[in-house]
Amino acid sequence: MTEFESQRAHCFLLFFGMLERRVRDLEVWQSVKTGEDMRSHGISAGVGAGAGGLVAVLVKLLGGDGLG
């Protein structure tokens, strides 16, 4: 292998190493983003359930049965 071929192979490996790192960084970012989205949906669902329960208690306390 000539010096030029050796340098070219080295550059090739460095380039693809950088590409692999960027792909890995994007995968990590996407998994973090997905986790944040799932967490916010869970919080929203919890708040919605709490509000629904509060409304049910208020309706019961005010004498309504919710059947019209």
PDB file of N, CA and C in Angstrom:
ATOM      1  N   MET A   1       0.853  -1.170   0.000  1.00  0.00           N
ATOM      2  CA  MET A   1       0.000   0.000   0.000  1.00  0.00           C
ATOM      3  C   MET A   1       0.899   1.234   0.000  1.00  0.00           C
ATOM      4  N   THR A   2       0.634   2.152  -0.888  1.00  0.00           N
ATOM      5  CA  THR A   2       1.439   3.369  -0.975  1.00  0.00           C
ATOM      6  C   THR A   2       1.037   4.327   0.139  1.00  0.00           C
ATOM      7  N   GLU A   3       1.836   5.352   0.327  1.00  0.00           N
ATOM      8  CA  GLU A   3       1.541   6.376   1.346  1.00  0.00           C
ATOM      9  C   GLU A   3       0.213   7.066   1.027  1.00  0.00           C
ATOM     10  N   PHE A   4      -0.004   7.362  -0.254  1.00  0.00           N
ATOM     11  CA  PHE A   4      -1.257   8.009  -0.658  1.00  0.00           C
ATOM     12  C   PHE A   4      -2.459   7.121  -0.337  1.00  0.00           C
ATOM     13  N   GLU A   5      -2.379   5.835  -0.649  1.00  0.00           N
ATOM     14  CA  GLU A   5      -3.476   4.908  -0.372  1.00  0.00           C
ATOM     15  C   GLU A   5      -3.722   4.778   1.129  1.00  0.00           C
ATOM     16  N   SER A   6      -2.660   4.797   1.878  1.00  0.00           N
ATOM     17  CA  SER A   6      -2.771   4.729   3.331  1.00  0.00           C
ATOM     18  C   SER A   6      -3.492   5.962   3.882  1.00  0.00           C
ATOM     19  N   GLN A   7      -3.097   7.132   3.392  1.00  0.00           N
ATOM     20  CA  GLN A   7      -3.747   8.373   3.838  1.00  0.00           C
ATOM     21  C   GLN A   7      -5.212   8.411   3.404  1.00  0.00           C
ATOM     22  N   ARG A   8      -5.466   7.947   2.196  1.00  0.00           N
ATOM     23  CA  ARG A   8      -6.840   7.924   1.689  1.00  0.00           C
ATOM     24  C   ARG A   8      -7.708   6.990   2.537  1.00  0.00           C
ATOM     25  N   ALA A   9      -7.174   5.837   2.887  1.00  0.00           N
ATOM     26  CA  ALA A   9      -7.907   4.887   3.731  1.00  0.00           C
ATOM     27  C   ALA A   9      -8.165   5.494   5.110  1.00  0.00           C
ATOM     28  N   HIS A  10      -7.174   6.190   5.639  1.00  0.00           N
ATOM     29  CA  HIS A  10      -7.328   6.837   6.938  1.00  0.00           C
ATOM     30  C   HIS A  10      -8.427   7.906   6.885  1.00  0.00           C
ATOM     31  N   CYS A  11      -8.409   8.736   5.854  1.00  0.00           N
ATOM     32  CA  CYS A  11      -9.445   9.769   5.689  1.00  0.00           C
ATOM     33  C   CYS A  11     -10.827   9.142   5.529  1.00  0.00           C
ATOM     34  N   PHE A  12     -10.895   8.060   4.778  1.00  0.00           N
ATOM     35  CA  PHE A  12     -12.147   7.340   4.574  1.00  0.00           C
ATOM     36  C   PHE A  12     -12.708   6.868   5.916  1.00  0.00           C
ATOM     37  N   LEU A  13     -11.847   6.274   6.738  1.00  0.00           N
ATOM     38  CA  LEU A  13     -12.284   5.782   8.044  1.00  0.00           C
ATOM     39  C   LEU A  13     -12.711   6.926   8.959  1.00  0.00           C
ATOM     40  N   LEU A  14     -11.963   8.027   8.920  1.00  0.00           N
ATOM     41  CA  LEU A  14     -12.351   9.185   9.731  1.00  0.00           C
ATOM     42  C   LEU A  14     -13.698   9.748   9.300  1.00  0.00           C
ATOM     43  N   PHE A  15     -13.897   9.853   7.990  1.00  0.00           N
ATOM     44  CA  PHE A  15     -15.151  10.391   7.458  1.00  0.00           C
ATOM     45  C   PHE A  15     -16.327   9.525   7.889  1.00  0.00           C
ATOM     46  N   PHE A  16     -16.227   8.225   7.714  1.00  0.00           N
ATOM     47  CA  PHE A  16     -17.334   7.355   8.082  1.00  0.00           C
ATOM     48  C   PHE A  16     -17.498   7.246   9.592  1.00  0.00           C
ATOM     49  N   GLY A  17     -16.419   7.434  10.331  1.00  0.00           N
ATOM     50  CA  GLY A  17     -16.530   7.499  11.790  1.00  0.00           C
ATOM     51  C   GLY A  17     -17.334   8.707  12.215  1.00  0.00           C
ATOM     52  N   MET A  18     -17.106   9.849  11.543  1.00  0.00           N
ATOM     53  CA  MET A  18     -17.875  11.059  11.848  1.00  0.00           C
ATOM     54  C   MET A  18     -19.333  10.881  11.475  1.00  0.00           C
ATOM     55  N   LEU A  19     -19.591  10.248  10.327  1.00  0.00           N
ATOM     56  CA  LEU A  19     -20.976  10.002   9.921  1.00  0.00           C
ATOM     57  C   LEU A  19     -21.688   9.103  10.925  1.00  0.00           C
ATOM     58  N   GLU A  20     -20.982   8.071  11.370  1.00  0.00           N
ATOM     59  CA  GLU A  20     -21.581   7.158  12.348  1.00  0.00           C
ATOM     60  C   GLU A  20     -21.911   7.904  13.635  1.00  0.00           C
ATOM     61  N   ARG A  21     -21.026   8.783  14.047  1.00  0.00           N
ATOM     62  CA  ARG A  21     -21.252   9.568  15.269  1.00  0.00           C
ATOM     63  C   ARG A  21     -22.464  10.478  15.108  1.00  0.00           C
ATOM     64  N   ARG A  22     -22.590  11.112  13.949  1.00  0.00           N
ATOM     65  CA  ARG A  22     -23.741  11.997  13.718  1.00  0.00           C
ATOM     66  C   ARG A  22     -25.041  11.216  13.729  1.00  0.00           C
ATOM     67  N   VAL A  23     -25.035  10.042  13.120  1.00  0.00           N
ATOM     68  CA  VAL A  23     -26.243   9.203  13.128  1.00  0.00           C
ATOM     69  C   VAL A  23     -26.583   8.800  14.559  1.00  0.00           C
ATOM     70  N   ARG A  24     -25.584   8.417  15.321  1.00  0.00           N
ATOM     71  CA  ARG A  24     -25.812   8.033  16.718  1.00  0.00           C
ATOM     72  C   ARG A  24     -26.363   9.213  17.515  1.00  0.00           C
ATOM     73  N   ASP A  25     -25.821  10.404  17.302  1.00  0.00           N
ATOM     74  CA  ASP A  25     -26.319  11.596  17.990  1.00  0.00           C
ATOM     75  C   ASP A  25     -27.780  11.871  17.630  1.00  0.00           C
ATOM     76  N   LEU A  26     -28.124  11.700  16.349  1.00  0.00           N
ATOM     77  CA  LEU A  26     -29.516  11.890  15.932  1.00  0.00           C
ATOM     78  C   LEU A  26     -30.433  10.852  16.570  1.00  0.00           C
ATOM     79  N   GLU A  27     -29.973   9.616  16.671  1.00  0.00           N
ATOM     80  CA  GLU A  27     -30.783   8.579  17.300  1.00  0.00           C
ATOM     81  C   GLU A  27     -31.012   8.896  18.771  1.00  0.00           C
ATOM     82  N   VAL A  28     -29.980   9.368  19.458  1.00  0.00           N
ATOM     83  CA  VAL A  28     -30.123   9.739  20.870  1.00  0.00           C
ATOM     84  C   VAL A  28     -31.093  10.903  20.998  1.00  0.00           C
ATOM     85  N   TRP A  29     -30.946  11.914  20.148  1.00  0.00           N
ATOM     86  CA  TRP A  29     -31.842  13.068  20.190  1.00  0.00           C
ATOM     87  C   TRP A  29     -33.285  12.627  19.969  1.00  0.00           C
ATOM     88  N   GLN A  30     -33.510  11.730  19.002  1.00  0.00           N
ATOM     89  CA  GLN A  30     -34.865  11.274  18.703  1.00  0.00           C
ATOM     90  C   GLN A  30     -35.445  10.500  19.884  1.00  0.00           C
ATOM     91  N   SER A  31     -34.642   9.672  20.535  1.00  0.00           N
ATOM     92  CA  SER A  31     -35.167   8.908  21.671  1.00  0.00           C
ATOM     93  C   SER A  31     -35.489   9.834  22.840  1.00  0.00           C
ATOM     94  N   VAL A  32     -34.674  10.860  23.051  1.00  0.00           N
ATOM     95  CA  VAL A  32     -34.958  11.838  24.103  1.00  0.00           C
ATOM     96  C   VAL A  32     -36.231  12.598  23.764  1.00  0.00           C
ATOM     97  N   LYS A  33     -36.370  13.014  22.512  1.00  0.00           N
ATOM     98  CA  LYS A  33     -37.559  13.746  22.074  1.00  0.00           C
ATOM     99  C   LYS A  33     -38.805  12.889  22.250  1.00  0.00           C
ATOM    100  N   THR A  34     -38.726  11.614  21.869  1.00  0.00           N
ATOM    101  CA  THR A  34     -39.861  10.703  22.021  1.00  0.00           C
ATOM    102  C   THR A  34     -40.214  10.549  23.493  1.00  0.00           C
ATOM    103  N   GLY A  35     -39.206  10.420  24.343  1.00  0.00           N
ATOM    104  CA  GLY A  35     -39.449  10.313  25.782  1.00  0.00           C
ATOM    105  C   GLY A  35     -40.130  11.547  26.337  1.00  0.00           C
ATOM    106  N   GLU A  36     -39.711  12.729  25.881  1.00  0.00           N
ATOM    107  CA  GLU A  36     -40.340  13.974  26.332  1.00  0.00           C
ATOM    108  C   GLU A  36     -41.789  14.047  25.868  1.00  0.00           C
ATOM    109  N   ASP A  37     -42.046  13.644  24.623  1.00  0.00           N
ATOM    110  CA  ASP A  37     -43.409  13.650  24.103  1.00  0.00           C
ATOM    111  C   ASP A  37     -44.297  12.702  24.896  1.00  0.00           C
ATOM    112  N   MET A  38     -43.781  11.505  25.180  1.00  0.00           N
ATOM    113  CA  MET A  38     -44.564  10.532  25.943  1.00  0.00           C
ATOM    114  C   MET A  38     -44.832  11.051  27.348  1.00  0.00           C
ATOM    115  N   ARG A  39     -43.846  11.710  27.945  1.00  0.00           N
ATOM    116  CA  ARG A  39     -44.000  12.255  29.293  1.00  0.00           C
ATOM    117  C   ARG A  39     -45.065  13.348  29.305  1.00  0.00           C
ATOM    118  N   SER A  40     -45.040  14.233  28.306  1.00  0.00           N
ATOM    119  CA  SER A  40     -46.025  15.321  28.279  1.00  0.00           C
ATOM    120  C   SER A  40     -47.418  14.779  28.016  1.00  0.00           C
ATOM    121  N   HIS A  41     -47.546  13.715  27.186  1.00  0.00           N
ATOM    122  CA  HIS A  41     -48.855  13.107  26.965  1.00  0.00           C
ATOM    123  C   HIS A  41     -49.366  12.476  28.255  1.00  0.00           C
ATOM    124  N   GLY A  42     -48.477  11.859  29.005  1.00  0.00           N
ATOM    125  CA  GLY A  42     -48.859  11.251  30.280  1.00  0.00           C
ATOM    126  C   GLY A  42     -49.326  12.289  31.274  1.00  0.00           C
ATOM    127  N   ILE A  43     -48.638  13.416  31.323  1.00  0.00           N
ATOM    128  CA  ILE A  43     -49.037  14.504  32.220  1.00  0.00           C
ATOM    129  C   ILE A  43     -50.396  15.047  31.807  1.00  0.00           C
ATOM    130  N   SER A  44     -50.594  15.241  30.504  1.00  0.00           N
ATOM    131  CA  SER A  44     -51.879  15.741  30.006  1.00  0.00           C
ATOM    132  C   SER A  44     -53.010  14.780  30.342  1.00  0.00           C
ATOM    133  N   ALA A  45     -52.757  13.492  30.176  1.00  0.00           N
ATOM    134  CA  ALA A  45     -53.778  12.496  30.491  1.00  0.00           C
ATOM    135  C   ALA A  45     -54.094  12.510  31.979  1.00  0.00           C
ATOM    136  N   GLY A  46     -53.071  12.665  32.808  1.00  0.00           N
ATOM    137  CA  GLY A  46     -53.294  12.726  34.258  1.00  0.00           C
ATOM    138  C   GLY A  46     -54.086  13.943  34.659  1.00  0.00           C
ATOM    139  N   VAL A  47     -53.777  15.086  34.070  1.00  0.00           N
ATOM    140  CA  VAL A  47     -54.513  16.318  34.362  1.00  0.00           C
ATOM    141  C   VAL A  47     -55.960  16.190  33.890  1.00  0.00           C
ATOM    142  N   GLY A  48     -56.138  15.612  32.704  1.00  0.00           N
ATOM    143  CA  GLY A  48     -57.501  15.423  32.189  1.00  0.00           C
ATOM    144  C   GLY A  48     -58.318  14.501  33.072  1.00  0.00           C
ATOM    145  N   ALA A  49     -57.720  13.425  33.549  1.00  0.00           N
ATOM    146  CA  ALA A  49     -58.420  12.495  34.429  1.00  0.00           C
ATOM    147  C   ALA A  49     -58.766  13.171  35.752  1.00  0.00           C
ATOM    148  N   GLY A  50     -57.839  13.967  36.266  1.00  0.00           N
ATOM    149  CA  GLY A  50     -58.100  14.688  37.520  1.00  0.00           C
ATOM    150  C   GLY A  50     -59.225  15.690  37.364  1.00  0.00           C
ATOM    151  N   ALA A  51     -59.238  16.406  36.251  1.00  0.00           N
ATOM    152  CA  ALA A  51     -60.301  17.387  36.013  1.00  0.00           C
ATOM    153  C   ALA A  51     -61.647  16.686  35.856  1.00  0.00           C
ATOM    154  N   GLY A  52     -61.660  15.543  35.156  1.00  0.00           N
ATOM    155  CA  GLY A  52     -62.905  14.783  34.997  1.00  0.00           C
ATOM    156  C   GLY A  52     -63.434  14.287  36.325  1.00  0.00           C
ATOM    157  N   GLY A  53     -62.534  13.832  37.179  1.00  0.00           N
ATOM    158  CA  GLY A  53     -62.944  13.384  38.518  1.00  0.00           C
ATOM    159  C   GLY A  53     -63.492  14.521  39.344  1.00  0.00           C
ATOM    160  N   LEU A  54     -62.878  15.683  39.252  1.00  0.00           N
ATOM    161  CA  LEU A  54     -63.350  16.866  39.984  1.00  0.00           C
ATOM    162  C   LEU A  54     -64.737  17.268  39.523  1.00  0.00           C
ATOM    163  N   VAL A  55     -64.972  17.266  38.233  1.00  0.00           N
ATOM    164  CA  VAL A  55     -66.301  17.598  37.692  1.00  0.00           C
ATOM    165  C   VAL A  55     -67.330  16.589  38.189  1.00  0.00           C
ATOM    166  N   ALA A  56     -66.996  15.323  38.217  1.00  0.00           N
ATOM    167  CA  ALA A  56     -67.929  14.296  38.694  1.00  0.00           C
ATOM    168  C   ALA A  56     -68.298  14.530  40.153  1.00  0.00           C
ATOM    169  N   VAL A  57     -67.317  14.886  40.966  1.00  0.00           N
ATOM    170  CA  VAL A  57     -67.589  15.167  42.382  1.00  0.00           C
ATOM    171  C   VAL A  57     -68.471  16.394  42.511  1.00  0.00           C
ATOM    172  N   LEU A  58     -68.185  17.444  41.754  1.00  0.00           N
ATOM    173  CA  LEU A  58     -69.006  18.659  41.826  1.00  0.00           C
ATOM    174  C   LEU A  58     -70.443  18.401  41.394  1.00  0.00           C
ATOM    175  N   VAL A  59     -70.622  17.635  40.342  1.00  0.00           N
ATOM    176  CA  VAL A  59     -71.974  17.304  39.879  1.00  0.00           C
ATOM    177  C   VAL A  59     -72.712  16.517  40.963  1.00  0.00           C
ATOM    178  N   LYS A  60     -72.033  15.590  41.584  1.00  0.00           N
ATOM    179  CA  LYS A  60     -72.648  14.779  42.643  1.00  0.00           C
ATOM    180  C   LYS A  60     -73.014  15.659  43.836  1.00  0.00           C
ATOM    181  N   LEU A  61     -72.128  16.581  44.222  1.00  0.00           N
ATOM    182  CA  LEU A  61     -72.385  17.457  45.350  1.00  0.00           C
ATOM    183  C   LEU A  61     -73.544  18.425  45.073  1.00  0.00           C
ATOM    184  N   LEU A  62     -73.691  18.831  43.827  1.00  0.00           N
ATOM    185  CA  LEU A  62     -74.758  19.774  43.461  1.00  0.00           C
ATOM    186  C   LEU A  62     -76.078  19.057  43.204  1.00  0.00           C
ATOM    187  N   GLY A  63     -76.104  17.757  43.361  1.00  0.00           N
ATOM    188  CA  GLY A  63     -77.341  17.016  43.266  1.00  0.00           C
ATOM    189  C   GLY A  63     -77.666  16.484  41.899  1.00  0.00           C
ATOM    190  N   GLY A  64     -76.815  16.646  40.957  1.00  0.00           N
ATOM    191  CA  GLY A  64     -77.093  16.113  39.627  1.00  0.00           C
ATOM    192  C   GLY A  64     -76.598  14.680  39.522  1.00  0.00           C
ATOM    193  N   ASP A  65     -77.281  13.914  38.692  1.00  0.00           N
ATOM    194  CA  ASP A  65     -76.826  12.540  38.473  1.00  0.00           C
ATOM    195  C   ASP A  65     -76.208  12.370  37.104  1.00  0.00           C
ATOM    196  N   GLY A  66     -76.221  13.418  36.306  1.00  0.00           N
ATOM    197  CA  GLY A  66     -75.597  13.389  35.006  1.00  0.00           C
ATOM    198  C   GLY A  66     -76.399  12.655  33.956  1.00  0.00           C
ATOM    199  N   LEU A  67     -77.647  12.297  34.248  1.00  0.00           N
ATOM    200  CA  LEU A  67     -78.460  11.566  33.287  1.00  0.00           C
ATOM    201  C   LEU A  67     -79.442  12.472  32.560  1.00  0.00           C
ATOM    202  N   GLY A  68     -79.361  13.746  32.816  1.00  0.00           N
ATOM    203  CA  GLY A  68     -80.180  14.694  32.068  1.00  0.00           C
ATOM    204  C   GLY A  68     -81.423  14.992  32.746  1.00  0.00           C
TER     205      GLY A  68
END
